[in-house]
Structure formats: C-alpha cells, structure tokens
Protein backbone atom coordinates (compact mmCIF):
# COMPACT_ATOMS: atom_id res chain seq x y z
CA UNK A 1 21.96 -1.23 14.60
CA UNK A 2 19.05 -2.23 12.50
CA UNK A 3 18.03 -0.14 9.36
CA UNK A 4 15.31 1.25 6.87
CA UNK A 5 15.36 1.77 3.43
CA UNK A 6 13.26 3.04 0.82
CA UNK A 7 12.80 1.05 -2.64
CA UNK A 8 11.34 3.46 -4.56
CA UNK A 9 9.67 1.54 -7.42
CA UNK A 10 9.80 -2.21 -7.92
CA UNK A 11 11.47 -1.52 -11.05
CA UNK A 12 14.74 -0.85 -8.70
CA UNK A 13 14.35 -3.92 -6.34
CA UNK A 14 16.54 -6.06 -7.78
CA UNK A 15 19.11 -3.72 -5.86
CA UNK A 16 17.97 -5.38 -2.64
CA UNK A 17 18.00 -8.33 -0.70
CA UNK A 18 14.75 -9.58 0.66
CA UNK A 19 15.66 -12.59 2.61
CA UNK A 20 15.33 -11.97 6.42
CA UNK A 21 13.70 -8.43 5.97
CA UNK A 22 10.14 -6.89 6.45
CA UNK A 23 9.15 -5.13 3.31
CA UNK A 24 5.99 -2.43 3.79
CA UNK A 25 4.62 -2.38 0.62
CA UNK A 26 2.63 0.80 -0.45
CA UNK A 27 0.36 1.96 -2.79
CA UNK A 28 -1.55 5.33 -1.73
CA UNK A 29 -4.06 5.74 -4.68
CA UNK A 30 -5.00 3.54 -3.73
CA UNK A 31 -4.33 -0.23 -3.86
CA UNK A 32 -2.76 -0.15 -0.03
CA UNK A 33 -5.17 1.89 1.30
CA UNK A 34 -8.15 0.18 -0.51
CA UNK A 35 -6.32 -2.92 2.02
CA UNK A 36 -6.64 -1.10 4.97
CA UNK A 37 -9.75 -0.18 4.78
CA UNK A 38 -11.62 -3.41 3.55
CA UNK A 39 -10.05 -5.30 6.58
CA UNK A 40 -10.79 -2.73 8.93
CA UNK A 41 -14.14 -2.44 7.98
CA UNK A 42 -15.25 -6.20 8.03
CA UNK A 43 -13.67 -7.71 4.86
CA UNK A 44 -12.72 -11.34 6.14
CA UNK A 45 -9.51 -11.90 3.54
CA UNK A 46 -8.20 -10.18 0.76
CA UNK A 47 -6.34 -12.30 -2.22
CA UNK A 48 -3.53 -10.01 -3.78
CA UNK A 49 -2.95 -11.41 -7.73
CA UNK A 50 -0.97 -10.11 -10.45
CA UNK A 51 -2.97 -10.20 -13.26
CA UNK A 52 -6.64 -9.82 -14.07
CA UNK A 53 -6.84 -13.86 -15.36
CA UNK A 54 -5.91 -14.78 -11.85
CA UNK A 55 -8.47 -12.07 -10.34
CA UNK A 56 -11.21 -13.80 -12.97
CA UNK A 57 -10.40 -17.31 -11.75
CA UNK A 58 -10.77 -16.26 -7.95
CA UNK A 59 -13.77 -14.24 -9.42
CA UNK A 60 -15.70 -17.98 -10.70
CA UNK A 61 -14.84 -19.39 -7.57
CA UNK A 62 -16.81 -17.22 -5.57
CA UNK A 63 -14.52 -14.31 -4.55
CA UNK A 64 -15.44 -10.76 -4.58
CA UNK A 65 -13.53 -9.65 -7.61
CA UNK A 66 -12.27 -6.21 -7.45
CA UNK A 67 -9.56 -5.15 -10.62
CA UNK A 68 -8.45 -1.71 -11.72
CA UNK A 69 -6.40 -1.04 -14.82
CA UNK A 70 -4.87 2.62 -15.32
CA UNK A 71 -7.06 4.12 -12.89
CA UNK A 72 -10.49 2.75 -13.95
CA UNK A 73 -12.94 -0.56 -13.03
CA UNK A 74 -11.67 -3.25 -15.56
CA UNK A 75 -14.38 -4.40 -17.30
CA UNK A 76 -16.26 -7.60 -15.80
CA UNK A 77 -15.45 -7.38 -12.18
CA UNK A 78 -17.70 -6.81 -9.05
CA UNK A 79 -15.18 -3.60 -7.88
CA UNK A 80 -12.53 -1.07 -8.78
CA UNK A 81 -10.15 0.50 -6.60
CA UNK A 82 -11.87 3.02 -4.34
CA UNK A 83 -11.84 2.51 -1.05
CA UNK A 84 -15.43 3.29 -0.60
CA UNK A 85 -16.18 -0.13 -2.67
CA UNK A 86 -14.17 -1.63 0.43
CA UNK A 87 -16.62 -0.16 2.96
CA UNK A 88 -19.90 -1.32 1.21
CA UNK A 89 -22.27 -3.62 3.37
CA UNK A 90 -21.82 -6.14 0.30
CA UNK A 91 -18.11 -6.68 1.57
CA UNK A 92 -18.33 -7.34 5.03
CA UNK A 93 -17.45 -10.88 6.03
CA UNK A 94 -16.44 -11.54 2.93
CA UNK A 95 -13.52 -12.83 0.63
CA UNK A 96 -12.14 -10.38 -1.83
CA UNK A 97 -9.99 -11.07 -4.85
CA UNK A 98 -7.88 -7.91 -6.24
CA UNK A 99 -5.28 -7.19 -9.20
CA UNK A 100 -3.94 -3.63 -9.79
CA UNK A 101 -1.79 -1.86 -11.83
CA UNK A 102 0.78 -1.12 -9.59
CA UNK A 103 0.09 -2.32 -5.77
CA UNK A 104 -0.18 -5.92 -6.17
CA UNK A 105 2.57 -6.19 -8.58
CA UNK A 106 4.45 -4.99 -6.05
CA UNK A 107 3.22 -7.33 -3.40
CA UNK A 108 4.06 -10.61 -6.04
CA UNK A 109 7.71 -9.24 -5.99
CA UNK A 110 8.56 -9.11 -2.59
CA UNK A 111 7.69 -12.74 -1.71
CA UNK A 112 11.59 -13.25 -0.69
CA UNK A 113 10.67 -11.43 2.15
CA UNK A 114 10.49 -12.82 5.68
CA UNK A 115 7.37 -10.58 6.51
CA UNK A 116 5.22 -8.54 4.37
CA UNK A 117 3.01 -5.65 5.79
CA UNK A 118 0.64 -3.21 3.92
CA UNK A 119 1.00 0.22 4.58
CA UNK A 120 -0.99 3.22 4.04
CA UNK A 121 -1.28 6.68 5.82
CA UNK A 122 -4.81 5.20 7.04
CA UNK A 123 -2.81 3.04 9.33
CA UNK A 124 0.68 4.72 9.80
CA UNK A 125 0.90 5.12 13.36
CA UNK A 126 -0.30 1.18 14.25
CA UNK A 127 2.49 0.24 11.32
CA UNK A 128 4.94 2.37 13.21
CA UNK A 129 4.58 1.16 16.89
CA UNK A 130 4.69 -2.64 15.31
CA UNK A 131 7.81 -2.09 13.64
CA UNK A 132 9.22 -0.68 16.29
CA UNK A 133 9.54 -3.54 18.31
CA UNK A 134 11.27 -5.75 14.92
CA UNK A 135 14.55 -7.06 15.12
CA UNK A 136 14.99 -7.36 10.91
CA UNK A 137 15.76 -4.52 9.15
CA UNK A 138 12.82 -2.86 6.53
CA UNK A 139 12.33 -2.30 3.08
CA UNK A 140 9.39 0.46 2.27
CA UNK A 141 8.33 -0.97 -1.04
CA UNK A 142 6.70 1.90 -3.07
CA UNK A 143 4.37 0.78 -5.95
CA UNK A 144 4.94 3.42 -8.12
CA UNK A 145 3.07 4.10 -11.26
CA UNK A 146 4.06 1.46 -13.62
CA UNK A 147 7.62 1.15 -12.75
CA UNK A 148 8.51 4.86 -12.09
CA UNK A 149 8.54 6.53 -9.34
CA UNK A 150 5.27 8.23 -7.49
CA UNK A 151 5.21 11.38 -5.21
CA UNK A 152 2.07 10.01 -2.96
CA UNK A 153 4.02 6.63 -2.27
CA UNK A 154 7.62 8.35 -1.35
CA UNK A 155 5.65 10.51 0.96
CA UNK A 156 4.39 7.85 3.04
CA UNK A 157 7.49 6.09 3.08
CA UNK A 158 9.10 9.55 4.30
CA UNK A 159 6.45 9.67 6.97
CA UNK A 160 7.18 6.11 8.14
CA UNK A 161 10.63 6.53 8.53
CA UNK A 162 10.52 9.47 10.45
CA UNK A 163 8.28 8.00 12.89
CA UNK A 164 10.93 5.34 12.96
CA UNK A 165 14.44 7.38 13.00
CA UNK A 166 14.99 6.61 16.69
CA UNK A 167 14.39 3.07 16.25
CA UNK A 168 16.08 2.36 12.96
CA UNK A 169 19.31 3.89 11.42
CA UNK A 170 18.63 5.07 7.86
CA UNK A 171 20.31 2.91 4.71
CA UNK A 172 21.35 5.50 2.31
CA UNK A 173 19.96 8.58 0.85
CA UNK A 174 16.14 7.50 0.01
CA UNK A 175 15.11 7.47 3.19
CA UNK A 176 16.63 10.65 3.89
CA UNK A 177 14.95 12.60 0.98
CA UNK A 178 11.90 10.84 1.54
CA UNK A 179 11.26 11.78 5.06
CA UNK A 180 12.49 15.42 4.13
CA UNK A 181 10.09 15.64 1.14
CA UNK A 182 7.32 14.62 3.92
CA UNK A 183 8.32 17.01 6.59
CA UNK A 184 7.67 19.61 3.90
CA UNK A 185 4.37 18.38 2.69
CA UNK A 186 2.29 17.46 5.87
CA UNK A 187 1.06 20.48 7.06
CA UNK A 188 -1.21 20.31 3.74
CA UNK A 189 -0.68 16.91 1.76
CA UNK A 190 -3.64 17.58 -0.24
CA UNK A 191 -2.22 20.53 -1.54
CA UNK A 192 1.13 19.13 -2.06
CA UNK A 193 -0.13 16.31 -4.13
CA UNK A 194 -2.63 18.13 -6.18
CA UNK A 195 0.28 18.36 -9.02
CA UNK A 196 1.13 14.76 -8.44
CA UNK A 197 0.47 12.92 -11.93
CA UNK A 198 -1.56 10.04 -9.72
CA UNK A 199 -3.63 12.97 -8.69
CA UNK A 200 -4.32 14.19 -11.78
CA UNK A 201 -4.64 11.30 -13.48
CA UNK A 202 -7.77 10.36 -10.82
CA UNK A 203 -8.96 13.94 -10.66
CA UNK A 204 -10.10 13.48 -14.50
CA UNK A 205 -11.82 10.14 -13.49
CA UNK A 206 -13.73 12.33 -11.27
CA UNK A 207 -12.69 10.71 -7.35
CA UNK A 208 -10.99 13.26 -5.91
CA UNK A 209 -12.88 12.23 -2.85
CA UNK A 210 -10.48 9.10 -2.87
CA UNK A 211 -7.28 11.27 -2.84
CA UNK A 212 -8.54 13.34 0.45
CA UNK A 213 -9.98 10.01 2.10
CA UNK A 214 -6.47 8.42 1.52
CA UNK A 215 -3.76 11.01 2.65
CA UNK A 216 -6.10 10.85 6.36
CA UNK A 217 -3.10 9.63 9.12
CA UNK A 218 -3.54 6.75 11.44
CA UNK A 219 -7.47 6.54 11.46
CA UNK A 220 -7.08 2.56 11.65
CA UNK A 221 -5.42 0.23 13.88
CA UNK A 222 -5.72 -2.76 11.40
CA UNK A 223 -2.52 -3.44 9.35
CA UNK A 224 -2.35 -6.49 6.82
CA UNK A 225 -0.04 -8.93 6.43
CA UNK A 226 0.11 -11.45 3.67
CA UNK A 227 -0.09 -15.22 4.72
CA UNK A 228 0.47 -17.62 2.32
CA UNK A 229 -1.55 -15.90 -0.59
CA UNK A 230 -3.58 -14.08 1.64
CA UNK A 231 -4.00 -10.82 3.35
CA UNK A 232 -5.36 -11.06 7.05
CA UNK A 233 -5.14 -8.41 9.85
CA UNK A 234 -2.27 -8.87 11.91
CA UNK A 235 -2.87 -9.26 15.88
CA UNK A 236 0.52 -7.84 17.17
C-alpha cells in the first residue's frame, strides 16, 4: 500500500528517499500560506529561492521581491512575509521572487522529489483531494524553525495525514504523532498555538492577525506546484 510520512524538520531530510515521491512542503507561519494566498489572489508565478542574493538578483530583473529573515522584512525588498501583502492589488498578475528563513530553504532541499507541492491549512481540502488519487508515496516536509521542530507545521502535517489515512498507510510514528496533535488542537487551533515559539515571535512583531489568518482551513482550492524553478497553480 502507498504510504505517507512526515519529516519534522529539513535537518532530518537526509534520512528520506525523495526519488519517485511527492513532497508536500509546509511552512504555516508564513511562507507556504503566503504562496497559496498569492496564487489564489492573482499572482502569476512565484519563484522561491534560498538566499537574499538570489532574491535581489530577481528583483533587479523585474520581479517583485519578498524577503524575510527572523520574522521581519529584509531591508531593501518590496515585501516581507505576510499573506496580506500577497493579496495587494500591486501583485495581481505579477511575478514574485521570495526568500524566507525556513520555507524556501525546505523547497530547495526537496528538488530530487518527483513532484513538489505547497501545503497550508488554507488549501488543506484541495490538497488532500488531489493526493488521494496519486499512486506515489508522500512525504510531508515541515520547514520548522532554523532546523528545529515547530508546532504549527506538524499540526498541518497531522491534518493532512488525518484526511489521507484511508488511502495511505502511515510510514512510521511521525504521522501518527502529528495526527494525534492535530486531533487535540483542531477545535481551537489559535488557542493551542498561542504558546508556540514562532507564534510568540510573530506576536512581538505585531502580526497576530497573520497567525489567525494562516490557521483557517480550506478557504482556497489552489495548489502551488514547482515547475522548474517556479511555483504555479496546479490544474488537476
């Protein structure tokens, strides 16, 4: 039977075989939530890059450049890492280059996979429905925080595993633990996450509304997928 696994941080990704598998990259606060929101609200394409230098080069080539480090907008760029920036009129129909502390790095480490998809609570149902019909094994890659485990990405992994458990076998204990966390938290996700380290970090930056937005489930049908170096909306 096909299976689903959860990699709790990119630092553990070397333990996983990516070839011929689907990797779902998740960085709930906030990179992958931004990517889903952007493509759902008219952004033409998004190019994720690992470094500020790569992002600056694309900015000089005419892209809108979104750059975040340690939760804040990097100096000299057009946008930070708030999903609300990706809904602004100025980005509709445009091309965005993006680099973040965790999410874009996780994408760059997944390039050996057969297919790379972007997951968020915002597109949970659409993503699960698409994956149910796939024959490949799935790895949910949690971007974490600077190589460490984080709560919000694991909660999403648990939500996706819960939706797919009838179609995929859990590969090990990580999906089982992630699902258990999600089932505990889902009745009041915002309250459950308040004590998480990144939620506290963002609250200090006065972006609590971003957190509340990013834990909404299934408000968009768009699924970003990596085509070459570019994220585009998947047409199932």
